[in-house]
């Protein structure tokens, strides 16, 4: 099912410069998704993960927000 964002993204990705930058970010988003998945699999709260990693809880929360807006 398509939505306005999907349509917009598909249109923007027709531009080779945009596509190149978008593709360059893929590894970062795979890493973010892996962190979120691992946290959930270990039944850790963001606060607990923050204590284990030294990443602030606010920054961990931002990762989750980023993943919500990605296709």
PDB file of N, CA and C in Angstrom:
ATOM      1  N   UNK A   1       0.839  -1.173   0.000  1.00  0.00           N
ATOM      2  CA  UNK A   1       0.000   0.000   0.000  1.00  0.00           C
ATOM      3  C   UNK A   1       0.889   1.242   0.000  1.00  0.00           C
ATOM      4  N   UNK A   2       0.585   2.148  -0.830  1.00  0.00           N
ATOM      5  CA  UNK A   2       1.381   3.353  -0.987  1.00  0.00           C
ATOM      6  C   UNK A   2       0.766   4.501  -0.187  1.00  0.00           C
ATOM      7  N   UNK A   3       1.620   5.376   0.299  1.00  0.00           N
ATOM      8  CA  UNK A   3       1.120   6.575   0.951  1.00  0.00           C
ATOM      9  C   UNK A   3       1.857   7.775   0.375  1.00  0.00           C
ATOM     10  N   UNK A   4       1.521   8.966   0.838  1.00  0.00           N
ATOM     11  CA  UNK A   4       2.129  10.165   0.276  1.00  0.00           C
ATOM     12  C   UNK A   4       3.642  10.176   0.459  1.00  0.00           C
ATOM     13  N   UNK A   5       4.121   9.719   1.622  1.00  0.00           N
ATOM     14  CA  UNK A   5       5.565   9.707   1.827  1.00  0.00           C
ATOM     15  C   UNK A   5       6.237   8.736   0.870  1.00  0.00           C
ATOM     16  N   UNK A   6       5.675   7.548   0.715  1.00  0.00           N
ATOM     17  CA  UNK A   6       6.256   6.563  -0.206  1.00  0.00           C
ATOM     18  C   UNK A   6       6.328   7.127  -1.622  1.00  0.00           C
ATOM     19  N   UNK A   7       5.266   7.800  -2.031  1.00  0.00           N
ATOM     20  CA  UNK A   7       5.244   8.400  -3.366  1.00  0.00           C
ATOM     21  C   UNK A   7       6.306   9.496  -3.488  1.00  0.00           C
ATOM     22  N   UNK A   8       6.406  10.334  -2.466  1.00  0.00           N
ATOM     23  CA  UNK A   8       7.406  11.401  -2.453  1.00  0.00           C
ATOM     24  C   UNK A   8       8.807  10.815  -2.503  1.00  0.00           C
ATOM     25  N   UNK A   9       9.055   9.812  -1.677  1.00  0.00           N
ATOM     26  CA  UNK A   9      10.383   9.190  -1.640  1.00  0.00           C
ATOM     27  C   UNK A   9      10.734   8.580  -2.987  1.00  0.00           C
ATOM     28  N   UNK A  10       9.807   7.855  -3.576  1.00  0.00           N
ATOM     29  CA  UNK A  10      10.057   7.238  -4.880  1.00  0.00           C
ATOM     30  C   UNK A  10      10.406   8.298  -5.925  1.00  0.00           C
ATOM     31  N   UNK A  11       9.704   9.406  -5.863  1.00  0.00           N
ATOM     32  CA  UNK A  11       9.974  10.493  -6.812  1.00  0.00           C
ATOM     33  C   UNK A  11      11.369  11.085  -6.577  1.00  0.00           C
ATOM     34  N   UNK A  12      11.707  11.332  -5.311  1.00  0.00           N
ATOM     35  CA  UNK A  12      13.006  11.925  -4.985  1.00  0.00           C
ATOM     36  C   UNK A  12      14.158  10.992  -5.346  1.00  0.00           C
ATOM     37  N   UNK A  13      13.956   9.695  -5.184  1.00  0.00           N
ATOM     38  CA  UNK A  13      15.019   8.727  -5.468  1.00  0.00           C
ATOM     39  C   UNK A  13      15.324   8.591  -6.954  1.00  0.00           C
ATOM     40  N   UNK A  14      14.527   9.224  -7.784  1.00  0.00           N
ATOM     41  CA  UNK A  14      14.824   9.244  -9.218  1.00  0.00           C
ATOM     42  C   UNK A  14      16.037  10.123  -9.500  1.00  0.00           C
ATOM     43  N   UNK A  15      16.317  11.056  -8.596  1.00  0.00           N
ATOM     44  CA  UNK A  15      17.483  11.936  -8.724  1.00  0.00           C
ATOM     45  C   UNK A  15      18.718  11.157  -8.259  1.00  0.00           C
ATOM     46  N   UNK A  16      19.696  10.956  -9.132  1.00  0.00           N
ATOM     47  CA  UNK A  16      20.875  10.159  -8.767  1.00  0.00           C
ATOM     48  C   UNK A  16      21.622  10.681  -7.530  1.00  0.00           C
ATOM     49  N   UNK A  17      21.661  11.985  -7.333  1.00  0.00           N
ATOM     50  CA  UNK A  17      22.335  12.555  -6.163  1.00  0.00           C
ATOM     51  C   UNK A  17      21.591  12.187  -4.879  1.00  0.00           C
ATOM     52  N   UNK A  18      20.287  12.287  -4.917  1.00  0.00           N
ATOM     53  CA  UNK A  18      19.474  11.936  -3.746  1.00  0.00           C
ATOM     54  C   UNK A  18      19.605  10.441  -3.463  1.00  0.00           C
ATOM     55  N   UNK A  19      19.538   9.632  -4.504  1.00  0.00           N
ATOM     56  CA  UNK A  19      19.653   8.170  -4.360  1.00  0.00           C
ATOM     57  C   UNK A  19      20.993   7.791  -3.740  1.00  0.00           C
ATOM     58  N   UNK A  20      22.056   8.437  -4.178  1.00  0.00           N
ATOM     59  CA  UNK A  20      23.391   8.143  -3.661  1.00  0.00           C
ATOM     60  C   UNK A  20      23.465   8.453  -2.160  1.00  0.00           C
ATOM     61  N   UNK A  21      22.957   9.609  -1.753  1.00  0.00           N
ATOM     62  CA  UNK A  21      22.973   9.991  -0.335  1.00  0.00           C
ATOM     63  C   UNK A  21      22.074   9.077   0.491  1.00  0.00           C
ATOM     64  N   UNK A  22      20.921   8.747  -0.044  1.00  0.00           N
ATOM     65  CA  UNK A  22      19.975   7.860   0.644  1.00  0.00           C
ATOM     66  C   UNK A  22      20.620   6.486   0.869  1.00  0.00           C
ATOM     67  N   UNK A  23      21.230   5.960  -0.168  1.00  0.00           N
ATOM     68  CA  UNK A  23      21.882   4.654  -0.057  1.00  0.00           C
ATOM     69  C   UNK A  23      23.063   4.686   0.919  1.00  0.00           C
ATOM     70  N   UNK A  24      23.768   5.804   0.977  1.00  0.00           N
ATOM     71  CA  UNK A  24      24.915   5.936   1.872  1.00  0.00           C
ATOM     72  C   UNK A  24      24.491   5.862   3.343  1.00  0.00           C
ATOM     73  N   UNK A  25      23.258   6.188   3.634  1.00  0.00           N
ATOM     74  CA  UNK A  25      22.754   6.161   5.010  1.00  0.00           C
ATOM     75  C   UNK A  25      22.260   4.782   5.443  1.00  0.00           C
ATOM     76  N   UNK A  26      22.151   3.858   4.525  1.00  0.00           N
ATOM     77  CA  UNK A  26      21.564   2.554   4.825  1.00  0.00           C
ATOM     78  C   UNK A  26      22.252   1.840   5.989  1.00  0.00           C
ATOM     79  N   UNK A  27      23.563   1.825   6.013  1.00  0.00           N
ATOM     80  CA  UNK A  27      24.292   1.112   7.076  1.00  0.00           C
ATOM     81  C   UNK A  27      23.957   1.685   8.454  1.00  0.00           C
ATOM     82  N   UNK A  28      23.814   2.996   8.537  1.00  0.00           N
ATOM     83  CA  UNK A  28      23.473   3.623   9.821  1.00  0.00           C
ATOM     84  C   UNK A  28      22.099   3.164  10.296  1.00  0.00           C
ATOM     85  N   UNK A  29      21.157   3.100   9.378  1.00  0.00           N
ATOM     86  CA  UNK A  29      19.811   2.716   9.766  1.00  0.00           C
ATOM     87  C   UNK A  29      19.706   1.231  10.098  1.00  0.00           C
ATOM     88  N   UNK A  30      20.513   0.424   9.453  1.00  0.00           N
ATOM     89  CA  UNK A  30      20.569  -1.001   9.799  1.00  0.00           C
ATOM     90  C   UNK A  30      21.098  -1.155  11.222  1.00  0.00           C
ATOM     91  N   UNK A  31      22.111  -0.372  11.562  1.00  0.00           N
ATOM     92  CA  UNK A  31      22.662  -0.401  12.914  1.00  0.00           C
ATOM     93  C   UNK A  31      21.626   0.048  13.941  1.00  0.00           C
ATOM     94  N   UNK A  32      20.928   1.133  13.660  1.00  0.00           N
ATOM     95  CA  UNK A  32      19.888   1.621  14.576  1.00  0.00           C
ATOM     96  C   UNK A  32      18.829   0.545  14.787  1.00  0.00           C
ATOM     97  N   UNK A  33      18.369  -0.060  13.702  1.00  0.00           N
ATOM     98  CA  UNK A  33      17.356  -1.105  13.794  1.00  0.00           C
ATOM     99  C   UNK A  33      17.866  -2.286  14.619  1.00  0.00           C
ATOM    100  N   UNK A  34      19.127  -2.636  14.461  1.00  0.00           N
ATOM    101  CA  UNK A  34      19.714  -3.742  15.221  1.00  0.00           C
ATOM    102  C   UNK A  34      19.767  -3.428  16.717  1.00  0.00           C
ATOM    103  N   UNK A  35      20.117  -2.204  17.057  1.00  0.00           N
ATOM    104  CA  UNK A  35      20.161  -1.794  18.466  1.00  0.00           C
ATOM    105  C   UNK A  35      18.777  -1.890  19.085  1.00  0.00           C
ATOM    106  N   UNK A  36      17.787  -1.378  18.391  1.00  0.00           N
ATOM    107  CA  UNK A  36      16.415  -1.410  18.907  1.00  0.00           C
ATOM    108  C   UNK A  36      15.940  -2.847  19.067  1.00  0.00           C
ATOM    109  N   UNK A  37      16.188  -3.682  18.069  1.00  0.00           N
ATOM    110  CA  UNK A  37      15.747  -5.082  18.117  1.00  0.00           C
ATOM    111  C   UNK A  37      16.432  -5.826  19.271  1.00  0.00           C
ATOM    112  N   UNK A  38      17.727  -5.635  19.428  1.00  0.00           N
ATOM    113  CA  UNK A  38      18.469  -6.313  20.494  1.00  0.00           C
ATOM    114  C   UNK A  38      17.978  -5.872  21.870  1.00  0.00           C
ATOM    115  N   UNK A  39      17.704  -4.592  22.018  1.00  0.00           N
ATOM    116  CA  UNK A  39      17.202  -4.090  23.299  1.00  0.00           C
ATOM    117  C   UNK A  39      15.890  -4.766  23.655  1.00  0.00           C
ATOM    118  N   UNK A  40      15.008  -4.870  22.680  1.00  0.00           N
ATOM    119  CA  UNK A  40      13.703  -5.498  22.918  1.00  0.00           C
ATOM    120  C   UNK A  40      13.853  -6.990  23.200  1.00  0.00           C
ATOM    121  N   UNK A  41      14.732  -7.668  22.459  1.00  0.00           N
ATOM    122  CA  UNK A  41      14.941  -9.108  22.668  1.00  0.00           C
ATOM    123  C   UNK A  41      15.484  -9.408  24.056  1.00  0.00           C
ATOM    124  N   UNK A  42      16.290  -8.496  24.594  1.00  0.00           N
ATOM    125  CA  UNK A  42      16.871  -8.669  25.931  1.00  0.00           C
ATOM    126  C   UNK A  42      15.965  -8.104  27.024  1.00  0.00           C
ATOM    127  N   UNK A  43      14.799  -7.599  26.609  1.00  0.00           N
ATOM    128  CA  UNK A  43      13.838  -7.003  27.547  1.00  0.00           C
ATOM    129  C   UNK A  43      14.463  -5.907  28.403  1.00  0.00           C
ATOM    130  N   UNK A  44      15.252  -5.065  27.756  1.00  0.00           N
ATOM    131  CA  UNK A  44      15.874  -3.945  28.446  1.00  0.00           C
ATOM    132  C   UNK A  44      15.083  -2.668  28.187  1.00  0.00           C
ATOM    133  N   UNK A  45      14.995  -1.847  29.195  1.00  0.00           N
ATOM    134  CA  UNK A  45      14.411  -0.525  28.989  1.00  0.00           C
ATOM    135  C   UNK A  45      15.477   0.370  28.369  1.00  0.00           C
ATOM    136  N   UNK A  46      15.061   1.504  27.861  1.00  0.00           N
ATOM    137  CA  UNK A  46      16.045   2.455  27.345  1.00  0.00           C
ATOM    138  C   UNK A  46      16.984   2.893  28.467  1.00  0.00           C
ATOM    139  N   UNK A  47      16.461   3.059  29.652  1.00  0.00           N
ATOM    140  CA  UNK A  47      17.279   3.474  30.783  1.00  0.00           C
ATOM    141  C   UNK A  47      18.347   2.421  31.097  1.00  0.00           C
ATOM    142  N   UNK A  48      17.961   1.141  31.072  1.00  0.00           N
ATOM    143  CA  UNK A  48      18.919   0.065  31.335  1.00  0.00           C
ATOM    144  C   UNK A  48      19.997   0.011  30.247  1.00  0.00           C
ATOM    145  N   UNK A  49      19.575   0.141  28.996  1.00  0.00           N
ATOM    146  CA  UNK A  49      20.535   0.132  27.893  1.00  0.00           C
ATOM    147  C   UNK A  49      21.466   1.339  27.994  1.00  0.00           C
ATOM    148  N   UNK A  50      20.926   2.453  28.397  1.00  0.00           N
ATOM    149  CA  UNK A  50      21.732   3.646  28.593  1.00  0.00           C
ATOM    150  C   UNK A  50      22.834   3.393  29.622  1.00  0.00           C
ATOM    151  N   UNK A  51      22.477   2.752  30.717  1.00  0.00           N
ATOM    152  CA  UNK A  51      23.460   2.449  31.761  1.00  0.00           C
ATOM    153  C   UNK A  51      24.540   1.496  31.259  1.00  0.00           C
ATOM    154  N   UNK A  52      24.153   0.547  30.436  1.00  0.00           N
ATOM    155  CA  UNK A  52      25.108  -0.436  29.918  1.00  0.00           C
ATOM    156  C   UNK A  52      26.040   0.133  28.852  1.00  0.00           C
ATOM    157  N   UNK A  53      25.543   1.071  28.074  1.00  0.00           N
ATOM    158  CA  UNK A  53      26.303   1.543  26.916  1.00  0.00           C
ATOM    159  C   UNK A  53      26.935   2.921  27.081  1.00  0.00           C
ATOM    160  N   UNK A  54      26.377   3.704  27.985  1.00  0.00           N
ATOM    161  CA  UNK A  54      26.848   5.078  28.108  1.00  0.00           C
ATOM    162  C   UNK A  54      26.190   6.022  27.123  1.00  0.00           C
ATOM    163  N   UNK A  55      25.285   5.508  26.310  1.00  0.00           N
ATOM    164  CA  UNK A  55      24.503   6.341  25.397  1.00  0.00           C
ATOM    165  C   UNK A  55      23.347   6.914  26.212  1.00  0.00           C
ATOM    166  N   UNK A  56      23.123   8.203  26.125  1.00  0.00           N
ATOM    167  CA  UNK A  56      22.063   8.786  26.940  1.00  0.00           C
ATOM    168  C   UNK A  56      20.699   8.221  26.546  1.00  0.00           C
ATOM    169  N   UNK A  57      19.804   8.203  27.498  1.00  0.00           N
ATOM    170  CA  UNK A  57      18.461   7.711  27.221  1.00  0.00           C
ATOM    171  C   UNK A  57      17.792   8.584  26.156  1.00  0.00           C
ATOM    172  N   UNK A  58      18.062   9.873  26.203  1.00  0.00           N
ATOM    173  CA  UNK A  58      17.496  10.785  25.201  1.00  0.00           C
ATOM    174  C   UNK A  58      17.956  10.409  23.798  1.00  0.00           C
ATOM    175  N   UNK A  59      19.237  10.056  23.654  1.00  0.00           N
ATOM    176  CA  UNK A  59      19.739   9.668  22.334  1.00  0.00           C
ATOM    177  C   UNK A  59      19.154   8.333  21.886  1.00  0.00           C
ATOM    178  N   UNK A  60      18.977   7.401  22.807  1.00  0.00           N
ATOM    179  CA  UNK A  60      18.343   6.126  22.463  1.00  0.00           C
ATOM    180  C   UNK A  60      16.908   6.356  22.006  1.00  0.00           C
ATOM    181  N   UNK A  61      16.225   7.270  22.657  1.00  0.00           N
ATOM    182  CA  UNK A  61      14.854   7.593  22.273  1.00  0.00           C
ATOM    183  C   UNK A  61      14.815   8.180  20.860  1.00  0.00           C
ATOM    184  N   UNK A  62      15.802   8.998  20.536  1.00  0.00           N
ATOM    185  CA  UNK A  62      15.870   9.592  19.188  1.00  0.00           C
ATOM    186  C   UNK A  62      16.032   8.517  18.119  1.00  0.00           C
ATOM    187  N   UNK A  63      16.782   7.457  18.441  1.00  0.00           N
ATOM    188  CA  UNK A  63      16.948   6.368  17.475  1.00  0.00           C
ATOM    189  C   UNK A  63      15.603   5.748  17.129  1.00  0.00           C
ATOM    190  N   UNK A  64      14.788   5.545  18.153  1.00  0.00           N
ATOM    191  CA  UNK A  64      13.468   4.960  17.936  1.00  0.00           C
ATOM    192  C   UNK A  64      12.612   5.884  17.072  1.00  0.00           C
ATOM    193  N   UNK A  65      12.715   7.178  17.311  1.00  0.00           N
ATOM    194  CA  UNK A  65      11.949   8.157  16.541  1.00  0.00           C
ATOM    195  C   UNK A  65      12.379   8.130  15.087  1.00  0.00           C
ATOM    196  N   UNK A  66      13.665   8.030  14.841  1.00  0.00           N
ATOM    197  CA  UNK A  66      14.186   7.985  13.467  1.00  0.00           C
ATOM    198  C   UNK A  66      13.595   6.790  12.735  1.00  0.00           C
ATOM    199  N   UNK A  67      13.540   5.651  13.408  1.00  0.00           N
ATOM    200  CA  UNK A  67      13.049   4.439  12.746  1.00  0.00           C
ATOM    201  C   UNK A  67      11.566   4.523  12.418  1.00  0.00           C
ATOM    202  N   UNK A  68      10.818   5.296  13.180  1.00  0.00           N
ATOM    203  CA  UNK A  68       9.377   5.439  12.903  1.00  0.00           C
ATOM    204  C   UNK A  68       9.125   6.170  11.602  1.00  0.00           C
ATOM    205  N   UNK A  69      10.006   7.085  11.222  1.00  0.00           N
ATOM    206  CA  UNK A  69       9.738   7.896  10.046  1.00  0.00           C
ATOM    207  C   UNK A  69      10.319   7.308   8.766  1.00  0.00           C
ATOM    208  N   UNK A  70      11.116   6.250   8.911  1.00  0.00           N
ATOM    209  CA  UNK A  70      11.698   5.634   7.721  1.00  0.00           C
ATOM    210  C   UNK A  70      10.737   4.653   7.079  1.00  0.00           C
ATOM    211  N   UNK A  71      10.829   4.498   5.779  1.00  0.00           N
ATOM    212  CA  UNK A  71       9.941   3.525   5.104  1.00  0.00           C
ATOM    213  C   UNK A  71      10.289   2.111   5.465  1.00  0.00           C
TER     214      UNK A  71
END
